Structures are given as C-alpha cells and as structure tokens.
Amino acid sequence: MGRKNKGRPVHGWIAFDKPADMTSTQALNRVRHLFNAAKAGHGGTLDPIATGMLPIAFGEATKTMTYTVDQTKVYRITVAWGSETDTDDREGAVTARSDRRPAREEVKAVLPRFVGTITQIPPVYSALKIDGQRSYDLAREGKTVEPKPRQVTIHSIELDDADTRSAILTVKCGKGTYMRALARDIARELGACAHIQEIRRLAVGAFTLDVAVTLDQLEASAERGTLDDHLLPVQTPLDDIPAVAVTEQEAQRLRNGQPVPLLKRSDLQRLRTLETSDDGIVLALLGQTPVALATYGAAQIQPVRLLNLL
C-alpha cells in the first residue's frame, strides 16, 4: 500500500483576502489544498460574513503565528441602524427594534468613549469557550449563554460616512476585540439599535490588503504553476522584533539549543540593537535567513523556537 501524500514542505505566509460566506477554517483548507502544503495555520479568525485580511502560514511560518494573532488589526465596518440581532450581525434573528437614527454629529461625538482600554461583552454567537463548550454551540442548542465581560484595547475609531441607514467606521484595535459587540454597544450608547452589516479587515500587523491575494488569483496561479510567487517570508510578522545577525558558528549553537554569548567588544553594536526589545524576544538571522526566535538577557541570546529553514 502506498504511503499517503502528506504534502510538500512549503514555508512562508500568504496574505489572503478572504471572501464572504466562507469560514476561516474553510479558507485555510482551500488555500492549503492549492499549495499541497504539509503544514498550515491562520493568524486570526474572521467571521464568515467578514472579508479581508486572513494571514495564512505554511511550514516553519506557523511557529510565528502567536506574534501575528497578537498584532494590531484594522477593520472597516458598516453599522446598520434600526435593529439588534441575536448574532449582532445581518444574519441573526431580530431581537430588538428602534426608530431612532443617530445623526452624524451624534455618532462622531460618542466614538471617543470607546477608545482606549474598554470592557466588552463578546457576542453570544462567538467561538469563546464557556464551561468547555463553544459559545455559539450552546446558543444554537437554545441554551442560555452569558459571556463574561473582558477588557480589550481600541486604538482609534474614525467615522468615514454616516446617514439615516448606517455608519461606516474604521477601527484600529488590539486582539480579542469584537466588531459586532462594538457596533451593538455604540448604538446602545446612542439610545438606538444596530447590528453589523459588513466587516472588512484591512490589516493584521504587517499584513495589509495591498499585498493580499484573492482565491481567484491563487487558483489562476495554481494553473500556471506560479503559486509560490505569492509567498511572503517567514519573518513577515516579526517586523517589530529586533533582529540580530549571527555567524554560521553561532547559528549552529542556536540549532543545538545552546546560548550565544555576546561578550566581545565587537558585540557592542549587536547589544545596542537587542536592548530595544520590549519583552526580551529577538530574531536571530544568518544573512537573510531566520534561524531562531530567542530571548535576550545577561549578555547572551538563548533559543526558544528554532526555524528550520537551512
């Protein structure tokens, strides 16, 4: 019996422009199938109705997914006035209605109240776990779901457009922020009802839509045999992490799990670079090739995650 094909060793990122009506898992599986990649994951779930940036990692890039999920995200959302739904978006059943239609000036005036570290109650239909079960599974079973309030960070909210039907906002935020909950809460603050009509994610950290590819583009590239032209480097989401150049000998030490001491006079410049790390995490590079994510301290770097690209 022949051995099952486990896929090829692809390493890098795809900045994928997810279409609507496709879950993030479905998007991941479709792109992975096109590449016939042995290992893949995505850097941050998008709602099925949402479109836009879904970073997809292959191979050794999956080891950097934590840094992608933690990075700042940018969304453009359309908030539709008039009704709340049980999902807080256009696909849910209406649970409340209101004739109130906030004026543009009212909407703009209330937005600063939602900037900064705020408390947010996630939507009932979310992937959060409650007593070991997904919140959306409990809700679909008709069970009472009470998600716990959580703190999230919103860096900015800009009002792009508004009329009596809807408001369009651009939101820059930290991880774990629900756009559906934000739309719901802004409306309630204004004494109105609303739900999300459209969500488009414009960016996740270093991944922006100007480098994104669509499913149609990937399928066309698959036919031409040029899929790998779309791959971004493994280190793409690590732009904010200080990088330190290492020699071949130092790279081998890191691969063996050994620390690299930085005690020579010639190491002074490297030490100055490493001291800019906020959390002690640095990226060791041999030329342009990532070798390892490492911690810096006591004048040495210690490998914590090897990137096997050599």
Protein backbone atom coordinates (compact mmCIF):
# COMPACT_ATOMS: atom_id res chain seq x y z
CA MET A 1 0.00 0.00 0.00
CA GLY A 2 1.40 3.38 -0.97
CA ARG A 3 2.17 5.99 1.65
CA LYS A 4 -0.40 8.77 1.94
CA ASN A 5 0.76 12.06 0.46
CA LYS A 6 1.48 14.35 3.39
CA GLY A 7 2.04 17.44 1.28
CA ARG A 8 5.13 19.36 0.35
CA PRO A 9 7.36 21.42 2.66
CA VAL A 10 6.14 24.95 1.94
CA HIS A 11 7.44 27.74 4.23
CA GLY A 12 6.12 31.29 4.33
CA TRP A 13 2.95 33.36 4.51
CA ILE A 14 0.05 34.10 2.22
CA ALA A 15 -1.76 37.40 2.79
CA PHE A 16 -5.19 36.07 1.84
CA ASP A 17 -8.16 38.29 1.02
CA LYS A 18 -10.94 36.10 2.41
CA PRO A 19 -14.28 36.24 0.60
CA ALA A 20 -17.61 36.45 2.41
CA ASP A 21 -19.64 33.36 3.30
CA MET A 22 -16.52 31.28 3.94
CA THR A 23 -15.26 30.40 7.40
CA SER A 24 -11.62 30.99 8.26
CA THR A 25 -11.11 27.22 8.51
CA GLN A 26 -12.64 26.67 5.08
CA ALA A 27 -10.37 29.39 3.67
CA LEU A 28 -7.32 27.81 5.28
CA ASN A 29 -8.17 24.35 3.95
CA ARG A 30 -8.78 25.66 0.43
CA VAL A 31 -5.50 27.58 0.27
CA ARG A 32 -3.57 24.72 1.85
CA HIS A 33 -5.01 22.34 -0.74
CA LEU A 34 -3.93 24.62 -3.60
CA PHE A 35 -0.36 24.67 -2.27
CA ASN A 36 -0.43 20.98 -1.26
CA ALA A 37 1.28 22.22 1.92
CA ALA A 38 2.25 19.74 4.62
CA LYS A 39 1.52 22.16 7.47
CA ALA A 40 -0.61 25.30 7.68
CA GLY A 41 -2.48 27.59 10.07
CA HIS A 42 -4.09 31.02 10.06
CA GLY A 43 -3.30 34.11 12.08
CA GLY A 44 -6.65 35.25 13.48
CA THR A 45 -10.22 34.11 12.84
CA LEU A 46 -12.62 36.16 10.75
CA ASP A 47 -16.42 35.82 10.93
CA PRO A 48 -17.97 34.03 7.93
CA ILE A 49 -19.65 37.26 6.74
CA ALA A 50 -16.37 39.17 7.04
CA THR A 51 -13.96 39.72 4.18
CA GLY A 52 -10.37 40.82 4.04
CA MET A 53 -7.03 40.04 5.57
CA LEU A 54 -6.54 36.45 6.77
CA PRO A 55 -2.82 35.70 7.12
CA ILE A 56 -2.15 32.02 6.34
CA ALA A 57 1.10 30.42 7.48
CA PHE A 58 2.84 27.41 5.94
CA GLY A 59 5.51 25.18 7.46
CA GLU A 60 8.01 26.97 9.70
CA ALA A 61 5.94 30.17 9.48
CA THR A 62 3.35 28.52 11.75
CA LYS A 63 5.85 28.96 14.59
CA THR A 64 5.37 32.73 14.32
CA MET A 65 1.56 32.68 14.35
CA THR A 66 1.38 33.78 18.00
CA TYR A 67 3.01 37.07 17.05
CA THR A 68 0.52 37.55 14.23
CA VAL A 69 -2.56 36.96 16.41
CA ASP A 70 -1.24 39.45 18.98
CA GLN A 71 -0.68 42.26 16.49
CA THR A 72 -2.83 45.34 15.88
CA LYS A 73 -5.74 44.89 13.48
CA VAL A 74 -7.62 47.40 11.32
CA TYR A 75 -11.26 46.95 10.28
CA ARG A 76 -13.78 48.85 8.21
CA ILE A 77 -17.30 48.11 9.43
CA THR A 78 -20.78 49.13 8.34
CA VAL A 79 -23.16 49.58 11.27
CA ALA A 80 -26.82 49.28 10.21
CA TRP A 81 -29.33 51.22 12.33
CA GLY A 82 -32.78 50.00 13.30
CA SER A 83 -32.43 46.54 14.81
CA GLU A 84 -30.37 44.31 17.06
CA THR A 85 -29.97 40.63 16.23
CA ASP A 86 -29.04 37.60 18.30
CA THR A 87 -25.75 37.28 16.37
CA ASP A 88 -25.10 41.06 16.32
CA ASP A 89 -24.80 40.89 12.53
CA ARG A 90 -27.07 40.80 9.48
CA GLU A 91 -27.54 37.02 9.59
CA GLY A 92 -29.18 36.82 13.00
CA ALA A 93 -32.79 36.91 14.14
CA VAL A 94 -34.04 40.35 15.18
CA THR A 95 -34.26 40.71 18.96
CA ALA A 96 -35.00 44.45 19.27
CA ARG A 97 -36.01 47.37 17.06
CA SER A 98 -35.77 51.13 17.31
CA ASP A 99 -36.86 54.04 15.14
CA ARG A 100 -34.01 56.19 16.42
CA ARG A 101 -31.48 57.15 13.75
CA PRO A 102 -28.47 58.96 15.25
CA ALA A 103 -27.20 61.98 13.35
CA ARG A 104 -23.64 62.00 12.04
CA GLU A 105 -22.57 64.52 14.71
CA GLU A 106 -24.00 62.32 17.47
CA VAL A 107 -22.13 59.28 16.23
CA LYS A 108 -18.87 61.19 15.96
CA ALA A 109 -19.29 62.62 19.46
CA VAL A 110 -19.76 59.23 21.12
CA LEU A 111 -16.83 57.39 19.49
CA PRO A 112 -14.11 58.67 21.89
CA ARG A 113 -15.90 56.83 24.72
CA PHE A 114 -14.90 53.57 23.04
CA VAL A 115 -11.22 54.39 22.52
CA GLY A 116 -8.65 53.04 24.95
CA THR A 117 -8.95 50.02 27.21
CA ILE A 118 -12.65 49.26 27.46
CA THR A 119 -14.86 46.49 28.83
CA GLN A 120 -16.68 44.49 26.18
CA ILE A 121 -19.16 41.62 26.42
CA PRO A 122 -18.50 39.28 23.47
CA PRO A 123 -21.38 38.26 21.22
CA VAL A 124 -23.35 35.20 22.29
CA TYR A 125 -22.50 33.66 18.92
CA SER A 126 -18.73 33.58 19.28
CA ALA A 127 -16.00 30.93 19.41
CA LEU A 128 -15.24 31.65 23.07
CA LYS A 129 -15.49 28.64 25.37
CA ILE A 130 -17.95 28.52 28.26
CA ASP A 131 -17.53 25.52 30.56
CA GLY A 132 -15.56 23.78 27.83
CA GLN A 133 -18.07 24.37 25.02
CA ARG A 134 -18.10 26.94 22.24
CA SER A 135 -20.48 29.78 22.97
CA TYR A 136 -22.08 29.52 19.51
CA ASP A 137 -22.75 25.80 20.00
CA LEU A 138 -24.58 26.49 23.27
CA ALA A 139 -26.56 29.31 21.66
CA ARG A 140 -27.60 27.11 18.73
CA GLU A 141 -28.85 24.49 21.20
CA GLY A 142 -31.14 27.11 22.71
CA LYS A 143 -29.22 27.29 25.98
CA THR A 144 -28.77 30.50 27.93
CA VAL A 145 -25.33 31.94 27.21
CA GLU A 146 -23.75 34.70 29.27
CA PRO A 147 -20.25 35.54 28.00
CA LYS A 148 -18.06 37.15 30.63
CA PRO A 149 -17.02 40.79 30.17
CA ARG A 150 -13.43 41.24 29.07
CA GLN A 151 -11.06 44.12 28.57
CA VAL A 152 -9.97 44.98 25.04
CA THR A 153 -7.94 47.82 23.58
CA ILE A 154 -9.17 50.10 20.81
CA HIS A 155 -6.52 52.48 19.49
CA SER A 156 -8.74 54.62 17.28
CA ILE A 157 -12.16 54.84 15.62
CA GLU A 158 -12.75 57.06 12.61
CA LEU A 159 -16.19 57.92 11.22
CA ASP A 160 -15.89 57.56 7.44
CA ASP A 161 -19.53 58.11 6.50
CA ALA A 162 -22.99 58.18 8.06
CA ASP A 163 -26.63 58.63 7.09
CA THR A 164 -30.04 57.58 8.41
CA ARG A 165 -29.45 53.97 7.40
CA SER A 166 -25.90 53.24 8.55
CA ALA A 167 -22.49 54.44 9.69
CA ILE A 168 -19.15 53.35 8.27
CA LEU A 169 -16.27 53.21 10.74
CA THR A 170 -12.56 52.39 10.53
CA VAL A 171 -11.36 50.76 13.73
CA LYS A 172 -7.78 50.10 14.83
CA CYS A 173 -7.67 47.70 17.76
CA GLY A 174 -5.85 45.03 19.72
CA LYS A 175 -6.51 41.31 19.79
CA GLY A 176 -9.80 39.89 21.01
CA THR A 177 -11.91 42.91 20.04
CA TYR A 178 -15.30 42.01 18.55
CA MET A 179 -16.56 44.39 15.88
CA ARG A 180 -20.10 43.03 16.31
CA ALA A 181 -20.05 43.87 20.02
CA LEU A 182 -18.59 47.31 19.29
CA ALA A 183 -21.40 48.14 16.84
CA ARG A 184 -24.02 46.93 19.31
CA ASP A 185 -22.57 48.96 22.18
CA ILE A 186 -22.13 52.19 20.19
CA ALA A 187 -25.79 52.00 19.19
CA ARG A 188 -26.92 51.37 22.76
CA GLU A 189 -24.85 54.33 23.96
CA LEU A 190 -26.80 56.43 21.47
CA GLY A 191 -30.15 55.03 22.59
CA ALA A 192 -30.54 53.16 19.31
CA CYS A 193 -30.40 49.63 17.95
CA ALA A 194 -27.89 48.38 15.39
CA HIS A 195 -26.08 45.37 14.00
CA ILE A 196 -23.10 44.79 11.73
CA GLN A 197 -23.94 44.81 8.04
CA GLU A 198 -20.41 44.49 6.67
CA ILE A 199 -16.96 43.74 8.12
CA ARG A 200 -13.74 44.06 6.16
CA ARG A 201 -10.37 43.54 7.81
CA LEU A 202 -7.84 45.85 6.24
CA ALA A 203 -4.70 44.79 8.11
CA VAL A 204 -3.21 42.42 10.67
CA GLY A 205 0.12 43.83 11.80
CA ALA A 206 2.47 43.83 8.80
CA PHE A 207 -0.11 42.08 6.60
CA THR A 208 -2.09 44.64 4.60
CA LEU A 209 -4.53 44.37 1.71
CA ASP A 210 -2.08 45.94 -0.74
CA VAL A 211 -0.10 42.66 -0.67
CA ALA A 212 -3.15 40.39 -0.41
CA VAL A 213 -4.26 37.84 -2.98
CA THR A 214 -7.76 36.54 -3.66
CA LEU A 215 -8.90 32.97 -4.14
CA ASP A 216 -9.37 33.60 -7.86
CA GLN A 217 -5.78 34.85 -8.14
CA LEU A 218 -4.42 31.81 -6.30
CA GLU A 219 -6.44 29.40 -8.43
CA ALA A 220 -5.14 31.09 -11.59
CA SER A 221 -1.57 30.86 -10.27
CA ALA A 222 -2.08 27.19 -9.45
CA GLU A 223 -2.96 26.54 -13.10
CA ARG A 224 0.18 28.38 -14.21
CA GLY A 225 2.38 26.67 -11.61
CA THR A 226 3.38 30.01 -10.03
CA LEU A 227 1.73 29.76 -6.61
CA ASP A 228 4.98 30.13 -4.68
CA ASP A 229 5.45 33.60 -6.19
CA HIS A 230 2.80 34.80 -3.72
CA LEU A 231 4.65 33.56 -0.63
CA LEU A 232 5.87 36.16 1.86
CA PRO A 233 8.91 35.46 4.08
CA VAL A 234 8.56 33.51 7.33
CA GLN A 235 9.68 36.60 9.29
CA THR A 236 6.99 38.89 7.81
CA PRO A 237 5.01 39.26 11.09
CA LEU A 238 8.20 39.86 13.09
CA ASP A 239 8.93 43.38 11.86
CA ASP A 240 8.61 44.82 15.37
CA ILE A 241 11.03 42.30 16.89
CA PRO A 242 14.71 43.35 16.97
CA ALA A 243 16.85 41.21 14.65
CA VAL A 244 20.42 40.19 15.45
CA ALA A 245 22.88 38.89 12.87
CA VAL A 246 24.65 35.65 13.78
CA THR A 247 27.56 33.80 12.23
CA GLU A 248 27.34 30.25 10.89
CA GLN A 249 29.03 29.00 14.08
CA GLU A 250 26.58 30.93 16.28
CA ALA A 251 23.66 29.69 14.21
CA GLN A 252 24.80 26.13 14.80
CA ARG A 253 24.96 26.74 18.54
CA LEU A 254 21.39 28.01 18.48
CA ARG A 255 20.25 24.97 16.46
CA ASN A 256 21.82 22.78 19.14
CA GLY A 257 19.85 24.60 21.82
CA GLN A 258 22.90 26.41 23.17
CA PRO A 259 23.09 30.11 24.08
CA VAL A 260 25.26 32.55 22.14
CA PRO A 261 27.33 34.80 24.44
CA LEU A 262 27.77 38.44 23.42
CA LEU A 263 30.77 39.45 25.49
CA LYS A 264 33.30 40.69 22.94
CA ARG A 265 33.97 44.33 22.14
CA SER A 266 32.75 43.59 18.61
CA ASP A 267 29.34 42.63 20.07
CA LEU A 268 28.61 46.15 21.34
CA GLN A 269 26.54 47.15 18.29
CA ARG A 270 24.53 43.94 18.48
CA LEU A 271 23.86 44.57 22.16
CA ARG A 272 22.55 48.06 21.43
CA THR A 273 20.11 46.57 18.91
CA LEU A 274 18.92 43.90 21.32
CA GLU A 275 18.29 46.41 24.08
CA THR A 276 15.41 47.83 22.01
CA SER A 277 13.40 44.64 22.62
CA ASP A 278 10.41 45.36 24.87
CA ASP A 279 9.90 41.77 26.01
CA GLY A 280 13.37 40.26 25.52
CA ILE A 281 12.37 38.40 22.34
CA VAL A 282 14.69 38.76 19.33
CA LEU A 283 15.07 37.18 15.89
CA ALA A 284 18.42 35.58 15.03
CA LEU A 285 19.31 35.89 11.33
CA LEU A 286 22.03 34.18 9.32
CA GLY A 287 22.24 36.53 6.38
CA GLN A 288 18.57 36.93 5.40
CA THR A 289 17.54 33.52 6.74
CA PRO A 290 15.77 33.31 10.12
CA VAL A 291 17.46 30.85 12.46
CA ALA A 292 15.53 31.14 15.71
CA LEU A 293 13.35 33.22 17.96
CA ALA A 294 15.41 33.80 21.05
CA THR A 295 15.40 35.55 24.40
CA TYR A 296 17.98 38.18 25.24
CA GLY A 297 19.40 38.68 28.70
CA ALA A 298 22.64 38.53 30.69
CA ALA A 299 24.64 39.41 27.55
CA GLN A 300 23.56 36.33 25.63
CA ILE A 301 20.77 35.07 23.41
CA GLN A 302 19.02 31.80 24.17
CA PRO A 303 16.96 29.98 21.52
CA VAL A 304 13.28 29.41 22.34
CA ARG A 305 11.88 28.47 18.90
CA LEU A 306 14.04 27.15 16.07
CA LEU A 307 13.13 27.99 12.48
CA ASN A 308 14.41 25.11 10.35
CA LEU A 309 14.91 26.81 7.00
CA LEU A 310 18.52 25.85 6.19
